[in-house]
C-alpha cells in the first residue's frame, strides 16, 4: 500500500467514525483489506492527530466522541 492509498483509507476511516457507522475491528479490517493491527495503528494515528476515539465495550466498536 502506498502513501496515497494509506491516506485515503485514513480519511475514509474518519468519515465512518463521524457517521457513527459500524466500526468494529473485524468490519474495518475486512472493508479495508488490512490486518487488524494495521487498523489499530490507523486509529492510533487519528488519536494522535487529536480525534477523541473511544472503544465501546458493549457494542465492540470504535466511536468518535
C-alpha atoms as a PDB file:
ATOM      1  CA  UNK A   1       0.000   0.000   0.000  1.00  0.00           C
ATOM      2  CA  UNK A   2       1.463   3.330  -0.996  1.00  0.00           C
ATOM      3  CA  UNK A   3       1.208   6.613   0.887  1.00  0.00           C
ATOM      4  CA  UNK A   4      -1.759   7.872  -1.147  1.00  0.00           C
ATOM      5  CA  UNK A   5      -3.793   4.698  -0.546  1.00  0.00           C
ATOM      6  CA  UNK A   6      -2.991   4.814   3.178  1.00  0.00           C
ATOM      7  CA  UNK A   7      -4.029   8.463   3.398  1.00  0.00           C
ATOM      8  CA  UNK A   8      -7.330   7.796   1.590  1.00  0.00           C
ATOM      9  CA  UNK A   9      -8.094   4.901   3.959  1.00  0.00           C
ATOM     10  CA  UNK A  10      -7.368   7.141   6.961  1.00  0.00           C
ATOM     11  CA  UNK A  11      -9.788   9.746   5.559  1.00  0.00           C
ATOM     12  CA  UNK A  12     -12.452   7.101   4.957  1.00  0.00           C
ATOM     13  CA  UNK A  13     -11.995   5.749   8.484  1.00  0.00           C
ATOM     14  CA  UNK A  14     -12.502   9.244   9.850  1.00  0.00           C
ATOM     15  CA  UNK A  15     -15.697   9.593   7.760  1.00  0.00           C
ATOM     16  CA  UNK A  16     -17.034   6.305   9.127  1.00  0.00           C
ATOM     17  CA  UNK A  17     -16.338   7.421  12.678  1.00  0.00           C
ATOM     18  CA  UNK A  18     -18.079  10.757  12.002  1.00  0.00           C
ATOM     19  CA  UNK A  19     -21.177   8.949  10.696  1.00  0.00           C
ATOM     20  CA  UNK A  20     -21.222   6.644  13.728  1.00  0.00           C
ATOM     21  CA  UNK A  21     -21.151   3.660  11.374  1.00  0.00           C
ATOM     22  CA  UNK A  22     -20.284   0.111  12.402  1.00  0.00           C
ATOM     23  CA  UNK A  23     -16.609   0.500  13.213  1.00  0.00           C
ATOM     24  CA  UNK A  24     -15.805  -2.861  14.697  1.00  0.00           C
ATOM     25  CA  UNK A  25     -12.271  -4.043  14.186  1.00  0.00           C
ATOM     26  CA  UNK A  26     -13.463  -7.034  12.127  1.00  0.00           C
ATOM     27  CA  UNK A  27     -15.588  -4.846   9.851  1.00  0.00           C
ATOM     28  CA  UNK A  28     -12.834  -2.293   9.333  1.00  0.00           C
ATOM     29  CA  UNK A  29     -10.111  -4.831   8.620  1.00  0.00           C
ATOM     30  CA  UNK A  30     -12.308  -6.652   6.093  1.00  0.00           C
ATOM     31  CA  UNK A  31     -13.549  -3.496   4.365  1.00  0.00           C
ATOM     32  CA  UNK A  32     -10.026  -2.025   4.094  1.00  0.00           C
ATOM     33  CA  UNK A  33      -8.449  -5.404   3.265  1.00  0.00           C
ATOM     34  CA  UNK A  34      -5.913  -4.785   6.026  1.00  0.00           C
ATOM     35  CA  UNK A  35      -4.826  -6.622   9.128  1.00  0.00           C
ATOM     36  CA  UNK A  36      -6.472  -5.762  12.422  1.00  0.00           C
ATOM     37  CA  UNK A  37      -3.128  -4.497  13.714  1.00  0.00           C
ATOM     38  CA  UNK A  38      -2.851  -2.020  10.831  1.00  0.00           C
ATOM     39  CA  UNK A  39      -6.357  -0.723  11.552  1.00  0.00           C
ATOM     40  CA  UNK A  40      -5.413  -0.276  15.225  1.00  0.00           C
ATOM     41  CA  UNK A  41      -2.360   1.734  14.116  1.00  0.00           C
ATOM     42  CA  UNK A  42      -4.586   3.886  11.886  1.00  0.00           C
ATOM     43  CA  UNK A  43      -6.902   4.580  14.819  1.00  0.00           C
ATOM     44  CA  UNK A  44      -3.879   5.447  16.977  1.00  0.00           C
ATOM     45  CA  UNK A  45      -2.731   7.892  14.310  1.00  0.00           C
ATOM     46  CA  UNK A  46      -6.128   9.606  14.287  1.00  0.00           C
ATOM     47  CA  UNK A  47      -5.975   9.816  18.079  1.00  0.00           C
ATOM     48  CA  UNK A  48      -2.518  11.391  17.831  1.00  0.00           C
ATOM     49  CA  UNK A  49      -3.992  13.968  15.451  1.00  0.00           C
ATOM     50  CA  UNK A  50      -6.458  14.953  18.169  1.00  0.00           C
ATOM     51  CA  UNK A  51      -9.595  12.915  17.453  1.00  0.00           C
ATOM     52  CA  UNK A  52     -11.350  11.632  20.546  1.00  0.00           C
ATOM     53  CA  UNK A  53     -11.892   7.983  19.589  1.00  0.00           C
ATOM     54  CA  UNK A  54     -13.005   5.501  22.216  1.00  0.00           C
ATOM     55  CA  UNK A  55     -13.754   1.792  22.117  1.00  0.00           C
ATOM     56  CA  UNK A  56     -17.332   0.961  23.138  1.00  0.00           C
ATOM     57  CA  UNK A  57     -17.012  -2.317  25.025  1.00  0.00           C
ATOM     58  CA  UNK A  58     -20.733  -3.084  24.935  1.00  0.00           C
ATOM     59  CA  UNK A  59     -21.070  -2.637  21.178  1.00  0.00           C
ATOM     60  CA  UNK A  60     -17.483  -3.775  20.391  1.00  0.00           C
ATOM     61  CA  UNK A  61     -16.988  -0.782  18.090  1.00  0.00           C
ATOM     62  CA  UNK A  62     -14.874   2.339  17.908  1.00  0.00           C
ATOM     63  CA  UNK A  63     -16.702   5.653  18.244  1.00  0.00           C
ATOM     64  CA  UNK A  64     -15.776   9.276  17.901  1.00  0.00           C
ATOM     65  CA  UNK A  65     -16.807  11.469  20.820  1.00  0.00           C
END
